[in-house]
Amino acid sequence: VILTDGREIGTKNVISAVHPSLTMRMIPEEKIRKTYRKRILGLENSPGFFSVYMIMKKDRFRYRNYNHFHYSSDSYFDDHLGTWPDSYLLYTPAVEQQAEFSQTASILAFMDYKVFQKWESVPPSKRGEAYEVFKEEAAEKLIGLAEKRYPGLRSDIASYFVSTPLTF
């Protein structure tokens, strides 16, 4: 493995945590069969996720020992920005046995990666105000939709963090 600073790390196996098509572009052509490379590079991207990770106020949001999946049609993979979000998943991870309240909760919704392509090669700290405004507006929309199912959700949130298809 050759790092961006020029250092080389010798290893027998490498595990890639990036998109398979990006991995293919990093591996020398002679190391991968042509048919496999062509198939991977030709795959259509699936939807990405927009997620809101919420830190909840103490003893406010009840722990649920289940995931809630909301969708308004059978085409829940096809959320488009005009009607987004049509679907979402809300879950409360367990912190300890038999906890009555959740310390955190997450909401995930499909979102088309294409929306973020203009920022894909820009470092996160340099994506600018338009990117931050877009994330905030999307987070508020998603929380608003989830609040229809869980009244008072917004007031139970102490703080939240957002990840887009660029980071998820």
N, C-alpha and C. Protein backbone atom coordinates (compact mmCIF):
# COMPACT_ATOMS: atom_id res chain seq x y z
N VAL A 1 0.86 -1.17 0.00
CA VAL A 1 0.00 0.00 0.00
C VAL A 1 0.90 1.22 0.00
N ILE A 2 0.65 2.13 -0.93
CA ILE A 2 1.41 3.39 -1.00
C ILE A 2 0.50 4.50 -0.49
N LEU A 3 0.91 5.15 0.59
CA LEU A 3 0.14 6.24 1.19
C LEU A 3 0.32 7.53 0.40
N THR A 4 -0.54 8.49 0.61
CA THR A 4 -0.45 9.75 -0.12
C THR A 4 0.84 10.50 0.17
N ASP A 5 1.45 10.27 1.34
CA ASP A 5 2.71 10.94 1.65
C ASP A 5 3.92 10.17 1.11
N GLY A 6 3.65 9.10 0.35
CA GLY A 6 4.74 8.34 -0.28
C GLY A 6 5.22 7.14 0.50
N ARG A 7 4.85 7.01 1.77
CA ARG A 7 5.27 5.84 2.55
C ARG A 7 4.62 4.59 2.00
N GLU A 8 5.35 3.48 2.10
CA GLU A 8 4.82 2.19 1.65
C GLU A 8 4.67 1.26 2.84
N ILE A 9 3.55 0.54 2.84
CA ILE A 9 3.28 -0.44 3.89
C ILE A 9 3.10 -1.79 3.21
N GLY A 10 3.95 -2.74 3.56
CA GLY A 10 3.84 -4.08 2.99
C GLY A 10 2.85 -4.92 3.77
N THR A 11 1.96 -5.60 3.06
CA THR A 11 0.97 -6.44 3.71
C THR A 11 0.44 -7.47 2.72
N LYS A 12 -0.04 -8.57 3.22
CA LYS A 12 -0.59 -9.61 2.36
C LYS A 12 -2.04 -9.29 1.98
N ASN A 13 -2.81 -8.75 2.93
CA ASN A 13 -4.23 -8.45 2.71
C ASN A 13 -4.53 -7.00 3.06
N VAL A 14 -5.47 -6.43 2.33
CA VAL A 14 -5.93 -5.07 2.59
C VAL A 14 -7.45 -5.10 2.60
N ILE A 15 -8.05 -4.47 3.60
CA ILE A 15 -9.50 -4.36 3.67
C ILE A 15 -9.84 -2.91 3.30
N SER A 16 -10.67 -2.76 2.30
CA SER A 16 -11.06 -1.43 1.85
C SER A 16 -12.40 -1.04 2.46
N ALA A 17 -12.48 0.19 2.95
CA ALA A 17 -13.72 0.69 3.53
C ALA A 17 -14.32 1.80 2.67
N VAL A 18 -13.92 1.84 1.40
CA VAL A 18 -14.48 2.83 0.49
C VAL A 18 -15.33 2.11 -0.55
N HIS A 19 -16.02 2.87 -1.35
CA HIS A 19 -16.90 2.31 -2.37
C HIS A 19 -16.11 1.35 -3.27
N PRO A 20 -16.71 0.21 -3.65
CA PRO A 20 -15.99 -0.76 -4.48
C PRO A 20 -15.41 -0.19 -5.77
N SER A 21 -16.12 0.76 -6.41
CA SER A 21 -15.56 1.33 -7.65
C SER A 21 -14.31 2.16 -7.36
N LEU A 22 -14.27 2.83 -6.22
CA LEU A 22 -13.05 3.57 -5.85
C LEU A 22 -11.91 2.60 -5.54
N THR A 23 -12.25 1.50 -4.90
CA THR A 23 -11.23 0.49 -4.62
C THR A 23 -10.63 -0.04 -5.91
N MET A 24 -11.48 -0.32 -6.89
CA MET A 24 -11.00 -0.82 -8.19
C MET A 24 -10.03 0.16 -8.83
N ARG A 25 -10.28 1.43 -8.68
CA ARG A 25 -9.41 2.45 -9.29
C ARG A 25 -8.06 2.55 -8.58
N MET A 26 -7.99 2.06 -7.34
CA MET A 26 -6.73 2.11 -6.58
C MET A 26 -5.85 0.90 -6.82
N ILE A 27 -6.44 -0.18 -7.31
CA ILE A 27 -5.69 -1.42 -7.49
C ILE A 27 -5.15 -1.47 -8.92
N PRO A 28 -3.86 -1.76 -9.08
CA PRO A 28 -3.30 -1.86 -10.45
C PRO A 28 -4.10 -2.85 -11.30
N GLU A 29 -4.31 -2.51 -12.56
CA GLU A 29 -5.17 -3.31 -13.45
C GLU A 29 -4.77 -4.77 -13.51
N GLU A 30 -3.48 -5.06 -13.50
CA GLU A 30 -3.03 -6.45 -13.64
C GLU A 30 -3.31 -7.30 -12.39
N LYS A 31 -3.72 -6.68 -11.30
CA LYS A 31 -3.98 -7.41 -10.05
C LYS A 31 -5.42 -7.92 -9.94
N ILE A 32 -6.31 -7.45 -10.81
CA ILE A 32 -7.72 -7.84 -10.77
C ILE A 32 -8.14 -8.31 -12.17
N ARG A 33 -8.91 -9.40 -12.21
CA ARG A 33 -9.40 -9.88 -13.51
C ARG A 33 -10.21 -8.78 -14.20
N LYS A 34 -10.02 -8.64 -15.51
CA LYS A 34 -10.70 -7.59 -16.28
C LYS A 34 -12.21 -7.68 -16.19
N THR A 35 -12.76 -8.89 -16.25
CA THR A 35 -14.21 -9.04 -16.21
C THR A 35 -14.77 -8.59 -14.85
N TYR A 36 -14.06 -8.90 -13.78
CA TYR A 36 -14.51 -8.49 -12.45
C TYR A 36 -14.44 -6.98 -12.32
N ARG A 37 -13.33 -6.40 -12.75
CA ARG A 37 -13.16 -4.94 -12.68
C ARG A 37 -14.27 -4.25 -13.48
N LYS A 38 -14.55 -4.73 -14.68
CA LYS A 38 -15.56 -4.12 -15.54
C LYS A 38 -16.94 -4.21 -14.88
N ARG A 39 -17.23 -5.37 -14.28
CA ARG A 39 -18.53 -5.54 -13.63
C ARG A 39 -18.69 -4.57 -12.46
N ILE A 40 -17.67 -4.47 -11.62
CA ILE A 40 -17.74 -3.57 -10.46
C ILE A 40 -17.85 -2.11 -10.90
N LEU A 41 -17.06 -1.72 -11.88
CA LEU A 41 -17.08 -0.32 -12.34
C LEU A 41 -18.39 0.02 -13.06
N GLY A 42 -19.11 -1.00 -13.55
CA GLY A 42 -20.36 -0.76 -14.27
C GLY A 42 -21.61 -0.80 -13.42
N LEU A 43 -21.46 -1.12 -12.14
CA LEU A 43 -22.62 -1.20 -11.27
C LEU A 43 -23.22 0.18 -11.01
N GLU A 44 -24.55 0.23 -10.97
CA GLU A 44 -25.24 1.47 -10.63
C GLU A 44 -25.18 1.64 -9.11
N ASN A 45 -24.95 2.85 -8.66
CA ASN A 45 -24.91 3.10 -7.22
C ASN A 45 -26.30 2.98 -6.62
N SER A 46 -26.36 2.39 -5.45
CA SER A 46 -27.62 2.32 -4.71
C SER A 46 -27.79 3.64 -3.94
N PRO A 47 -28.98 3.87 -3.41
CA PRO A 47 -29.17 5.11 -2.66
C PRO A 47 -28.23 5.19 -1.45
N GLY A 48 -27.89 6.39 -1.09
CA GLY A 48 -27.10 6.61 0.11
C GLY A 48 -28.03 6.90 1.27
N PHE A 49 -27.45 7.16 2.43
CA PHE A 49 -28.23 7.49 3.61
C PHE A 49 -27.90 8.89 4.09
N PHE A 50 -28.94 9.58 4.50
CA PHE A 50 -28.81 10.81 5.26
C PHE A 50 -29.20 10.41 6.67
N SER A 51 -28.38 10.73 7.65
CA SER A 51 -28.71 10.30 9.00
C SER A 51 -28.57 11.44 10.00
N VAL A 52 -29.43 11.36 11.01
CA VAL A 52 -29.39 12.30 12.13
C VAL A 52 -29.16 11.46 13.38
N TYR A 53 -28.03 11.68 14.02
CA TYR A 53 -27.68 11.00 15.26
C TYR A 53 -27.99 11.96 16.40
N MET A 54 -28.94 11.58 17.25
CA MET A 54 -29.44 12.49 18.28
C MET A 54 -28.98 12.07 19.67
N ILE A 55 -28.53 13.03 20.43
CA ILE A 55 -28.24 12.82 21.85
C ILE A 55 -29.47 13.35 22.58
N MET A 56 -30.09 12.48 23.33
CA MET A 56 -31.37 12.82 23.95
C MET A 56 -31.17 13.42 25.35
N LYS A 57 -32.09 14.28 25.72
CA LYS A 57 -32.09 14.81 27.09
C LYS A 57 -32.37 13.67 28.06
N LYS A 58 -31.81 13.78 29.23
CA LYS A 58 -31.91 12.72 30.24
C LYS A 58 -33.38 12.44 30.60
N ASP A 59 -33.71 11.16 30.57
CA ASP A 59 -35.03 10.67 30.99
C ASP A 59 -36.19 11.32 30.23
N ARG A 60 -36.02 11.50 28.93
CA ARG A 60 -37.08 12.16 28.15
C ARG A 60 -37.64 11.26 27.04
N PHE A 61 -36.79 10.57 26.30
CA PHE A 61 -37.25 9.80 25.15
C PHE A 61 -37.18 8.31 25.50
N ARG A 62 -38.33 7.68 25.54
CA ARG A 62 -38.40 6.28 25.96
C ARG A 62 -37.62 5.37 25.02
N TYR A 63 -36.91 4.42 25.63
CA TYR A 63 -36.20 3.39 24.86
C TYR A 63 -37.23 2.48 24.20
N ARG A 64 -36.99 2.15 22.94
CA ARG A 64 -37.84 1.22 22.22
C ARG A 64 -37.00 0.02 21.81
N ASN A 65 -37.46 -1.14 22.16
CA ASN A 65 -36.73 -2.36 21.84
C ASN A 65 -37.13 -2.85 20.44
N TYR A 66 -37.22 -1.93 19.52
CA TYR A 66 -37.57 -2.25 18.14
C TYR A 66 -37.16 -1.07 17.26
N ASN A 67 -37.09 -1.31 15.98
CA ASN A 67 -36.84 -0.26 15.00
C ASN A 67 -38.17 0.16 14.38
N HIS A 68 -38.32 1.43 14.12
CA HIS A 68 -39.53 1.92 13.47
C HIS A 68 -39.17 2.30 12.04
N PHE A 69 -39.80 1.65 11.08
CA PHE A 69 -39.57 1.95 9.67
C PHE A 69 -40.84 2.55 9.10
N HIS A 70 -40.74 3.81 8.67
CA HIS A 70 -41.87 4.52 8.11
C HIS A 70 -41.67 4.65 6.60
N TYR A 71 -42.72 4.32 5.85
CA TYR A 71 -42.68 4.59 4.42
C TYR A 71 -44.08 4.91 3.93
N SER A 72 -44.16 5.84 2.96
CA SER A 72 -45.46 6.27 2.48
C SER A 72 -45.88 5.61 1.17
N SER A 73 -44.98 4.82 0.57
CA SER A 73 -45.34 4.08 -0.64
C SER A 73 -44.43 2.85 -0.74
N ASP A 74 -44.74 1.99 -1.68
CA ASP A 74 -43.92 0.79 -1.87
C ASP A 74 -42.58 1.09 -2.53
N SER A 75 -42.39 2.30 -3.03
CA SER A 75 -41.12 2.66 -3.66
C SER A 75 -40.26 3.46 -2.69
N TYR A 76 -40.06 2.90 -1.51
CA TYR A 76 -39.34 3.63 -0.46
C TYR A 76 -37.86 3.79 -0.72
N PHE A 77 -37.31 3.10 -1.72
CA PHE A 77 -35.91 3.31 -2.08
C PHE A 77 -35.74 4.52 -2.98
N ASP A 78 -36.83 5.08 -3.45
CA ASP A 78 -36.77 6.12 -4.47
C ASP A 78 -37.08 7.50 -3.93
N ASP A 79 -36.67 7.80 -2.71
CA ASP A 79 -36.90 9.15 -2.18
C ASP A 79 -36.24 10.17 -3.09
N HIS A 80 -37.02 11.12 -3.54
CA HIS A 80 -36.48 12.19 -4.38
C HIS A 80 -36.55 13.49 -3.58
N LEU A 81 -35.66 14.39 -3.89
CA LEU A 81 -35.55 15.59 -3.08
C LEU A 81 -36.85 16.38 -3.02
N GLY A 82 -37.64 16.37 -4.08
CA GLY A 82 -38.90 17.12 -4.09
C GLY A 82 -39.89 16.64 -3.04
N THR A 83 -39.88 15.34 -2.74
CA THR A 83 -40.81 14.79 -1.76
C THR A 83 -40.08 14.24 -0.55
N TRP A 84 -38.79 14.40 -0.50
CA TRP A 84 -37.96 13.82 0.56
C TRP A 84 -38.34 14.43 1.91
N PRO A 85 -38.39 13.68 2.96
CA PRO A 85 -38.21 12.23 3.05
C PRO A 85 -39.55 11.50 2.99
N ASP A 86 -39.62 10.48 2.15
CA ASP A 86 -40.81 9.64 2.08
C ASP A 86 -40.72 8.46 3.03
N SER A 87 -39.50 8.12 3.40
CA SER A 87 -39.31 6.98 4.29
C SER A 87 -38.17 7.28 5.27
N TYR A 88 -38.19 6.58 6.39
CA TYR A 88 -37.10 6.71 7.34
C TYR A 88 -37.10 5.51 8.28
N LEU A 89 -35.98 5.33 8.93
CA LEU A 89 -35.83 4.32 9.98
C LEU A 89 -35.41 5.06 11.23
N LEU A 90 -36.09 4.82 12.34
CA LEU A 90 -35.70 5.39 13.63
C LEU A 90 -35.40 4.24 14.58
N TYR A 91 -34.25 4.33 15.23
CA TYR A 91 -33.93 3.31 16.22
C TYR A 91 -33.26 3.93 17.43
N THR A 92 -33.44 3.24 18.56
CA THR A 92 -32.84 3.66 19.82
C THR A 92 -31.94 2.53 20.31
N PRO A 93 -30.63 2.69 20.19
CA PRO A 93 -29.73 1.63 20.65
C PRO A 93 -29.79 1.47 22.17
N ALA A 94 -29.72 0.22 22.59
CA ALA A 94 -29.72 -0.06 24.03
C ALA A 94 -28.41 0.36 24.65
N VAL A 95 -28.47 0.93 25.84
CA VAL A 95 -27.27 1.34 26.57
C VAL A 95 -27.00 0.35 27.70
N GLU A 96 -28.03 -0.04 28.38
CA GLU A 96 -27.89 -1.01 29.46
C GLU A 96 -29.16 -1.85 29.50
N GLN A 97 -29.09 -2.97 30.16
CA GLN A 97 -30.25 -3.84 30.29
C GLN A 97 -31.41 -3.09 30.92
N GLN A 98 -32.58 -3.26 30.34
CA GLN A 98 -33.83 -2.74 30.91
C GLN A 98 -33.87 -1.22 31.09
N ALA A 99 -33.14 -0.48 30.28
CA ALA A 99 -33.19 0.98 30.38
C ALA A 99 -34.56 1.49 29.96
N GLU A 100 -35.11 2.39 30.73
CA GLU A 100 -36.43 2.93 30.41
C GLU A 100 -36.34 4.04 29.36
N PHE A 101 -35.23 4.80 29.41
CA PHE A 101 -35.07 5.92 28.50
C PHE A 101 -33.82 5.73 27.65
N SER A 102 -33.87 6.29 26.46
CA SER A 102 -32.74 6.19 25.55
C SER A 102 -31.83 7.40 25.70
N GLN A 103 -30.55 7.16 25.63
CA GLN A 103 -29.59 8.26 25.66
C GLN A 103 -29.38 8.83 24.27
N THR A 104 -29.56 7.97 23.25
CA THR A 104 -29.38 8.38 21.87
C THR A 104 -30.47 7.77 21.01
N ALA A 105 -30.64 8.32 19.84
CA ALA A 105 -31.54 7.77 18.82
C ALA A 105 -31.00 8.21 17.47
N SER A 106 -31.28 7.43 16.45
CA SER A 106 -30.85 7.78 15.10
C SER A 106 -32.01 7.67 14.14
N ILE A 107 -32.00 8.56 13.17
CA ILE A 107 -32.97 8.52 12.07
C ILE A 107 -32.16 8.44 10.78
N LEU A 108 -32.49 7.47 9.95
CA LEU A 108 -31.82 7.30 8.66
C LEU A 108 -32.87 7.37 7.56
N ALA A 109 -32.53 8.05 6.48
CA ALA A 109 -33.42 8.12 5.32
C ALA A 109 -32.58 7.97 4.06
N PHE A 110 -33.13 7.28 3.08
CA PHE A 110 -32.44 7.19 1.80
C PHE A 110 -32.35 8.58 1.20
N MET A 111 -31.21 8.84 0.54
CA MET A 111 -31.06 10.11 -0.18
C MET A 111 -30.12 9.85 -1.36
N ASP A 112 -30.47 10.40 -2.49
CA ASP A 112 -29.70 10.19 -3.70
C ASP A 112 -28.31 10.81 -3.56
N TYR A 113 -27.30 10.02 -3.83
CA TYR A 113 -25.92 10.49 -3.73
C TYR A 113 -25.64 11.66 -4.69
N LYS A 114 -26.33 11.67 -5.81
CA LYS A 114 -26.09 12.70 -6.83
C LYS A 114 -26.24 14.11 -6.28
N VAL A 115 -27.10 14.27 -5.28
CA VAL A 115 -27.31 15.57 -4.66
C VAL A 115 -25.99 16.12 -4.11
N PHE A 116 -25.09 15.23 -3.71
CA PHE A 116 -23.86 15.63 -3.04
C PHE A 116 -22.62 15.58 -3.92
N GLN A 117 -22.77 15.21 -5.20
CA GLN A 117 -21.60 15.05 -6.06
C GLN A 117 -20.75 16.32 -6.17
N LYS A 118 -21.38 17.47 -6.13
CA LYS A 118 -20.61 18.72 -6.25
C LYS A 118 -19.66 18.91 -5.07
N TRP A 119 -19.89 18.20 -3.97
CA TRP A 119 -19.03 18.33 -2.78
C TRP A 119 -18.12 17.12 -2.57
N GLU A 120 -18.21 16.10 -3.42
CA GLU A 120 -17.53 14.84 -3.13
C GLU A 120 -16.01 14.94 -3.08
N SER A 121 -15.42 15.85 -3.82
CA SER A 121 -13.96 15.95 -3.79
C SER A 121 -13.48 17.12 -2.93
N VAL A 122 -14.40 17.72 -2.20
CA VAL A 122 -14.07 18.86 -1.35
C VAL A 122 -13.93 18.36 0.10
N PRO A 123 -12.85 18.68 0.77
CA PRO A 123 -12.72 18.26 2.18
C PRO A 123 -13.89 18.78 3.01
N PRO A 124 -14.35 18.02 4.00
CA PRO A 124 -15.52 18.43 4.79
C PRO A 124 -15.43 19.84 5.35
N SER A 125 -14.26 20.27 5.78
CA SER A 125 -14.13 21.60 6.38
C SER A 125 -14.21 22.73 5.35
N LYS A 126 -14.22 22.38 4.06
CA LYS A 126 -14.22 23.42 3.02
C LYS A 126 -15.45 23.35 2.11
N ARG A 127 -16.49 22.64 2.54
CA ARG A 127 -17.68 22.49 1.70
C ARG A 127 -18.57 23.73 1.71
N GLY A 128 -18.38 24.59 2.66
CA GLY A 128 -19.04 25.89 2.64
C GLY A 128 -20.41 25.95 3.26
N GLU A 129 -20.94 27.18 3.26
CA GLU A 129 -22.20 27.47 3.93
C GLU A 129 -23.38 26.78 3.26
N ALA A 130 -23.39 26.70 1.92
CA ALA A 130 -24.51 26.06 1.22
C ALA A 130 -24.66 24.60 1.65
N TYR A 131 -23.55 23.93 1.84
CA TYR A 131 -23.57 22.53 2.29
C TYR A 131 -24.13 22.43 3.70
N GLU A 132 -23.68 23.31 4.59
CA GLU A 132 -24.15 23.30 5.98
C GLU A 132 -25.64 23.63 6.06
N VAL A 133 -26.09 24.59 5.28
CA VAL A 133 -27.50 24.97 5.26
C VAL A 133 -28.35 23.80 4.74
N PHE A 134 -27.87 23.15 3.66
CA PHE A 134 -28.59 22.01 3.11
C PHE A 134 -28.73 20.91 4.17
N LYS A 135 -27.64 20.59 4.86
CA LYS A 135 -27.68 19.54 5.89
C LYS A 135 -28.67 19.90 7.00
N GLU A 136 -28.63 21.14 7.45
CA GLU A 136 -29.50 21.58 8.54
C GLU A 136 -30.97 21.51 8.13
N GLU A 137 -31.28 21.98 6.91
CA GLU A 137 -32.66 21.94 6.44
C GLU A 137 -33.15 20.50 6.30
N ALA A 138 -32.30 19.62 5.78
CA ALA A 138 -32.67 18.20 5.63
C ALA A 138 -32.87 17.56 7.00
N ALA A 139 -32.01 17.86 7.95
CA ALA A 139 -32.15 17.30 9.31
C ALA A 139 -33.46 17.75 9.93
N GLU A 140 -33.79 19.01 9.79
CA GLU A 140 -35.04 19.53 10.36
C GLU A 140 -36.25 18.88 9.72
N LYS A 141 -36.21 18.66 8.39
CA LYS A 141 -37.31 17.97 7.71
C LYS A 141 -37.48 16.55 8.24
N LEU A 142 -36.37 15.86 8.38
CA LEU A 142 -36.40 14.47 8.84
C LEU A 142 -36.90 14.37 10.27
N ILE A 143 -36.41 15.24 11.13
CA ILE A 143 -36.89 15.27 12.52
C ILE A 143 -38.38 15.61 12.55
N GLY A 144 -38.80 16.54 11.71
CA GLY A 144 -40.21 16.92 11.64
C GLY A 144 -41.10 15.76 11.24
N LEU A 145 -40.67 14.96 10.28
CA LEU A 145 -41.46 13.80 9.87
C LEU A 145 -41.51 12.76 11.00
N ALA A 146 -40.38 12.50 11.63
CA ALA A 146 -40.36 11.54 12.74
C ALA A 146 -41.20 12.03 13.91
N GLU A 147 -41.26 13.35 14.09
CA GLU A 147 -42.03 13.89 15.21
C GLU A 147 -43.54 13.66 15.04
N LYS A 148 -43.98 13.46 13.80
CA LYS A 148 -45.40 13.13 13.60
C LYS A 148 -45.73 11.79 14.24
N ARG A 149 -44.78 10.88 14.24
CA ARG A 149 -44.98 9.56 14.86
C ARG A 149 -44.65 9.61 16.36
N TYR A 150 -43.69 10.44 16.71
CA TYR A 150 -43.22 10.55 18.10
C TYR A 150 -43.36 12.01 18.55
N PRO A 151 -44.58 12.43 18.90
CA PRO A 151 -44.79 13.82 19.32
C PRO A 151 -43.85 14.21 20.46
N GLY A 152 -43.28 15.40 20.36
CA GLY A 152 -42.35 15.89 21.37
C GLY A 152 -40.91 15.50 21.12
N LEU A 153 -40.66 14.74 20.05
CA LEU A 153 -39.29 14.29 19.76
C LEU A 153 -38.31 15.46 19.74
N ARG A 154 -38.65 16.50 19.03
CA ARG A 154 -37.74 17.64 18.89
C ARG A 154 -37.34 18.22 20.25
N SER A 155 -38.29 18.32 21.16
CA SER A 155 -37.98 18.90 22.47
C SER A 155 -37.19 17.93 23.35
N ASP A 156 -37.13 16.65 22.96
CA ASP A 156 -36.36 15.65 23.72
C ASP A 156 -34.89 15.59 23.29
N ILE A 157 -34.55 16.31 22.24
CA ILE A 157 -33.18 16.26 21.69
C ILE A 157 -32.31 17.31 22.37
N ALA A 158 -31.18 16.86 22.93
CA ALA A 158 -30.21 17.79 23.51
C ALA A 158 -29.32 18.37 22.41
N SER A 159 -28.88 17.53 21.50
CA SER A 159 -28.07 17.95 20.35
C SER A 159 -28.12 16.85 19.31
N TYR A 160 -27.70 17.18 18.08
CA TYR A 160 -27.65 16.14 17.05
C TYR A 160 -26.53 16.42 16.06
N PHE A 161 -26.15 15.36 15.38
CA PHE A 161 -25.11 15.39 14.37
C PHE A 161 -25.66 14.77 13.10
N VAL A 162 -25.19 15.23 11.97
CA VAL A 162 -25.72 14.79 10.68
C VAL A 162 -24.62 14.14 9.87
N SER A 163 -24.98 13.09 9.15
CA SER A 163 -24.06 12.55 8.14
C SER A 163 -24.84 12.41 6.85
N THR A 164 -24.16 12.64 5.75
CA THR A 164 -24.77 12.59 4.43
C THR A 164 -24.26 11.37 3.68
N PRO A 165 -24.77 11.13 2.48
CA PRO A 165 -24.21 10.03 1.70
C PRO A 165 -22.70 10.16 1.43
N LEU A 166 -22.15 11.34 1.62
CA LEU A 166 -20.70 11.51 1.49
C LEU A 166 -19.95 10.87 2.66
N THR A 167 -20.58 10.84 3.82
CA THR A 167 -19.90 10.33 5.01
C THR A 167 -20.45 9.01 5.50
N PHE A 168 -21.62 8.62 5.04
CA PHE A 168 -22.22 7.38 5.51
C PHE A 168 -21.97 6.31 4.47
